[in-house]
Amino acid sequence: MSFTPELVAELEILALFPLDSSQEGLKIHQTAAPKAIAAARRLYEKDLIDQPDGGYLTSLGRDAAQNVQTVLTILNVEETA
């Protein structure tokens, strides 16, 4: 599996979701970048979010978003010399 531009866009959307509360979601506006709009639609089609323009994470989507955000945290840790 490779990191296609479409996959990266989906990962970027998942990274935006707040995980502190299941009562918070995202809205991808029609004026957003076309790649973000398309990524949100694909996440909806994969049953990771409950609306084609964002909304809330599904149970599977929450797991995916947590994993994405964990990977970002691990990779963004600055090494101390």
N, C-alpha and C. Protein backbone atom coordinates (compact mmCIF):
# COMPACT_ATOMS: atom_id res chain seq x y z
N MET A 1 0.85 -1.18 0.00
CA MET A 1 0.00 0.00 0.00
C MET A 1 0.89 1.23 0.00
N SER A 2 0.49 2.21 -0.78
CA SER A 2 1.26 3.45 -0.84
C SER A 2 0.39 4.62 -0.40
N PHE A 3 1.05 5.71 -0.12
CA PHE A 3 0.37 6.92 0.31
C PHE A 3 0.03 7.76 -0.92
N THR A 4 -1.17 7.57 -1.43
CA THR A 4 -1.64 8.35 -2.57
C THR A 4 -2.07 9.73 -2.08
N PRO A 5 -2.15 10.70 -2.98
CA PRO A 5 -2.65 12.02 -2.56
C PRO A 5 -4.05 11.94 -1.95
N GLU A 6 -4.89 11.03 -2.45
CA GLU A 6 -6.24 10.88 -1.91
C GLU A 6 -6.20 10.35 -0.48
N LEU A 7 -5.35 9.38 -0.24
CA LEU A 7 -5.21 8.83 1.11
C LEU A 7 -4.68 9.88 2.08
N VAL A 8 -3.70 10.63 1.66
CA VAL A 8 -3.14 11.68 2.51
C VAL A 8 -4.23 12.71 2.85
N ALA A 9 -5.05 13.07 1.87
CA ALA A 9 -6.13 14.03 2.12
C ALA A 9 -7.12 13.48 3.15
N GLU A 10 -7.42 12.19 3.06
CA GLU A 10 -8.32 11.57 4.04
C GLU A 10 -7.69 11.57 5.43
N LEU A 11 -6.42 11.25 5.51
CA LEU A 11 -5.71 11.28 6.80
C LEU A 11 -5.71 12.68 7.39
N GLU A 12 -5.53 13.68 6.53
CA GLU A 12 -5.54 15.07 7.01
C GLU A 12 -6.90 15.44 7.59
N ILE A 13 -7.98 15.00 6.96
CA ILE A 13 -9.32 15.28 7.50
C ILE A 13 -9.50 14.57 8.84
N LEU A 14 -9.12 13.31 8.92
CA LEU A 14 -9.25 12.58 10.19
C LEU A 14 -8.45 13.24 11.31
N ALA A 15 -7.31 13.82 10.96
CA ALA A 15 -6.47 14.47 11.98
C ALA A 15 -7.11 15.74 12.53
N LEU A 16 -8.07 16.29 11.81
CA LEU A 16 -8.73 17.53 12.26
C LEU A 16 -9.82 17.30 13.30
N PHE A 17 -10.32 16.08 13.39
CA PHE A 17 -11.43 15.82 14.30
C PHE A 17 -10.98 15.93 15.76
N PRO A 18 -11.74 16.68 16.56
CA PRO A 18 -11.44 16.73 18.00
C PRO A 18 -11.84 15.41 18.65
N LEU A 19 -10.96 14.87 19.45
CA LEU A 19 -11.23 13.58 20.09
C LEU A 19 -11.63 13.71 21.55
N ASP A 20 -11.63 14.94 22.07
CA ASP A 20 -11.97 15.16 23.48
C ASP A 20 -13.44 14.88 23.77
N SER A 21 -14.28 15.05 22.76
CA SER A 21 -15.72 14.86 22.96
C SER A 21 -16.34 14.28 21.71
N SER A 22 -17.25 13.35 21.90
CA SER A 22 -17.96 12.79 20.75
C SER A 22 -19.07 13.73 20.28
N GLN A 23 -19.25 14.84 20.99
CA GLN A 23 -20.28 15.82 20.63
C GLN A 23 -19.75 16.91 19.70
N GLU A 24 -18.48 16.81 19.32
CA GLU A 24 -17.89 17.80 18.42
C GLU A 24 -17.58 17.13 17.08
N GLY A 25 -17.90 17.83 16.03
CA GLY A 25 -17.63 17.30 14.70
C GLY A 25 -16.97 18.35 13.84
N LEU A 26 -16.98 18.10 12.54
CA LEU A 26 -16.40 19.02 11.56
C LEU A 26 -17.41 19.33 10.48
N LYS A 27 -17.29 20.49 9.89
CA LYS A 27 -18.09 20.86 8.73
C LYS A 27 -17.11 21.25 7.63
N ILE A 28 -17.16 20.52 6.52
CA ILE A 28 -16.34 20.85 5.36
C ILE A 28 -17.23 21.70 4.45
N HIS A 29 -16.96 22.98 4.38
CA HIS A 29 -17.80 23.89 3.61
C HIS A 29 -17.56 23.73 2.12
N GLN A 30 -18.55 24.13 1.34
CA GLN A 30 -18.45 24.03 -0.12
C GLN A 30 -17.34 24.90 -0.68
N THR A 31 -16.86 25.85 0.11
CA THR A 31 -15.76 26.72 -0.32
C THR A 31 -14.40 26.14 0.05
N ALA A 32 -14.39 24.99 0.69
CA ALA A 32 -13.12 24.34 1.07
C ALA A 32 -12.40 23.86 -0.20
N ALA A 33 -11.16 23.50 -0.04
CA ALA A 33 -10.38 22.98 -1.16
C ALA A 33 -11.08 21.73 -1.73
N PRO A 34 -11.12 21.61 -3.04
CA PRO A 34 -11.77 20.44 -3.64
C PRO A 34 -11.24 19.11 -3.11
N LYS A 35 -9.95 19.03 -2.80
CA LYS A 35 -9.41 17.76 -2.29
C LYS A 35 -9.98 17.44 -0.91
N ALA A 36 -10.26 18.46 -0.10
CA ALA A 36 -10.85 18.24 1.23
C ALA A 36 -12.30 17.79 1.09
N ILE A 37 -13.03 18.41 0.17
CA ILE A 37 -14.42 18.03 -0.06
C ILE A 37 -14.50 16.58 -0.53
N ALA A 38 -13.63 16.22 -1.47
CA ALA A 38 -13.62 14.86 -2.00
C ALA A 38 -13.19 13.86 -0.93
N ALA A 39 -12.22 14.25 -0.09
CA ALA A 39 -11.76 13.36 0.98
C ALA A 39 -12.87 13.09 1.98
N ALA A 40 -13.62 14.12 2.33
CA ALA A 40 -14.74 13.95 3.27
C ALA A 40 -15.78 13.00 2.68
N ARG A 41 -16.07 13.15 1.41
CA ARG A 41 -17.04 12.27 0.76
C ARG A 41 -16.56 10.81 0.80
N ARG A 42 -15.28 10.59 0.54
CA ARG A 42 -14.74 9.22 0.59
C ARG A 42 -14.80 8.66 2.01
N LEU A 43 -14.51 9.49 3.00
CA LEU A 43 -14.60 9.02 4.39
C LEU A 43 -16.04 8.65 4.73
N TYR A 44 -16.99 9.40 4.22
CA TYR A 44 -18.40 9.09 4.42
C TYR A 44 -18.74 7.75 3.75
N GLU A 45 -18.28 7.58 2.53
CA GLU A 45 -18.55 6.33 1.80
C GLU A 45 -17.91 5.12 2.48
N LYS A 46 -16.83 5.36 3.23
CA LYS A 46 -16.16 4.29 3.97
C LYS A 46 -16.74 4.11 5.37
N ASP A 47 -17.81 4.86 5.68
CA ASP A 47 -18.50 4.80 6.97
C ASP A 47 -17.61 5.23 8.14
N LEU A 48 -16.74 6.22 7.88
CA LEU A 48 -15.91 6.75 8.95
C LEU A 48 -16.48 8.04 9.54
N ILE A 49 -17.31 8.74 8.76
CA ILE A 49 -18.02 9.92 9.24
C ILE A 49 -19.49 9.78 8.84
N ASP A 50 -20.36 10.52 9.55
CA ASP A 50 -21.80 10.30 9.34
C ASP A 50 -22.46 11.23 8.33
N GLN A 51 -21.71 12.16 7.76
CA GLN A 51 -22.24 13.07 6.75
C GLN A 51 -21.20 13.23 5.64
N PRO A 52 -21.63 13.40 4.40
CA PRO A 52 -20.67 13.54 3.30
C PRO A 52 -19.84 14.82 3.38
N ASP A 53 -20.27 15.79 4.20
CA ASP A 53 -19.51 17.03 4.34
C ASP A 53 -18.93 17.18 5.75
N GLY A 54 -18.68 16.05 6.39
CA GLY A 54 -18.09 16.08 7.74
C GLY A 54 -18.99 15.42 8.75
N GLY A 55 -19.54 16.24 9.62
CA GLY A 55 -20.40 15.68 10.66
C GLY A 55 -19.58 15.11 11.80
N TYR A 56 -20.02 13.96 12.27
CA TYR A 56 -19.38 13.31 13.41
C TYR A 56 -18.68 12.02 12.97
N LEU A 57 -17.71 11.62 13.75
CA LEU A 57 -17.05 10.35 13.50
C LEU A 57 -17.98 9.20 13.87
N THR A 58 -17.97 8.16 13.08
CA THR A 58 -18.63 6.92 13.47
C THR A 58 -17.70 6.22 14.46
N SER A 59 -18.12 5.10 14.98
CA SER A 59 -17.27 4.33 15.89
C SER A 59 -15.96 3.94 15.19
N LEU A 60 -16.08 3.43 13.96
CA LEU A 60 -14.91 3.07 13.18
C LEU A 60 -14.06 4.30 12.87
N GLY A 61 -14.72 5.40 12.56
CA GLY A 61 -14.01 6.64 12.27
C GLY A 61 -13.25 7.16 13.47
N ARG A 62 -13.85 7.01 14.65
CA ARG A 62 -13.15 7.45 15.87
C ARG A 62 -11.88 6.64 16.07
N ASP A 63 -11.97 5.33 15.86
CA ASP A 63 -10.77 4.49 15.96
C ASP A 63 -9.71 4.94 14.97
N ALA A 64 -10.14 5.21 13.74
CA ALA A 64 -9.20 5.64 12.69
C ALA A 64 -8.57 6.98 13.06
N ALA A 65 -9.38 7.93 13.51
CA ALA A 65 -8.87 9.26 13.86
C ALA A 65 -7.90 9.17 15.02
N GLN A 66 -8.19 8.34 16.01
CA GLN A 66 -7.28 8.17 17.14
C GLN A 66 -5.94 7.63 16.67
N ASN A 67 -5.99 6.65 15.77
CA ASN A 67 -4.75 6.07 15.27
C ASN A 67 -3.96 7.08 14.44
N VAL A 68 -4.63 7.84 13.61
CA VAL A 68 -3.96 8.86 12.81
C VAL A 68 -3.30 9.88 13.72
N GLN A 69 -4.04 10.34 14.72
CA GLN A 69 -3.49 11.36 15.61
C GLN A 69 -2.36 10.81 16.47
N THR A 70 -2.42 9.53 16.83
CA THR A 70 -1.32 8.91 17.57
C THR A 70 -0.06 8.86 16.71
N VAL A 71 -0.21 8.44 15.46
CA VAL A 71 0.94 8.39 14.55
C VAL A 71 1.54 9.78 14.38
N LEU A 72 0.71 10.79 14.21
CA LEU A 72 1.23 12.15 14.07
C LEU A 72 1.98 12.59 15.31
N THR A 73 1.46 12.26 16.47
CA THR A 73 2.13 12.60 17.72
C THR A 73 3.49 11.94 17.80
N ILE A 74 3.56 10.67 17.47
CA ILE A 74 4.82 9.92 17.51
C ILE A 74 5.82 10.50 16.52
N LEU A 75 5.38 10.78 15.31
CA LEU A 75 6.30 11.27 14.28
C LEU A 75 6.72 12.71 14.47
N ASN A 76 5.91 13.49 15.19
CA ASN A 76 6.23 14.91 15.39
C ASN A 76 6.99 15.18 16.67
N VAL A 77 7.31 14.14 17.44
CA VAL A 77 8.08 14.35 18.67
C VAL A 77 9.48 14.79 18.29
N GLU A 78 9.88 15.90 18.86
CA GLU A 78 11.22 16.41 18.58
C GLU A 78 12.24 15.61 19.37
N GLU A 79 13.28 15.21 18.67
CA GLU A 79 14.35 14.45 19.35
C GLU A 79 15.18 15.41 20.18
N THR A 80 15.52 14.98 21.38
CA THR A 80 16.39 15.79 22.22
C THR A 80 17.82 15.28 22.07
N ALA A 81 18.71 16.20 21.87
CA ALA A 81 20.10 15.80 21.63
C ALA A 81 20.90 15.77 22.89
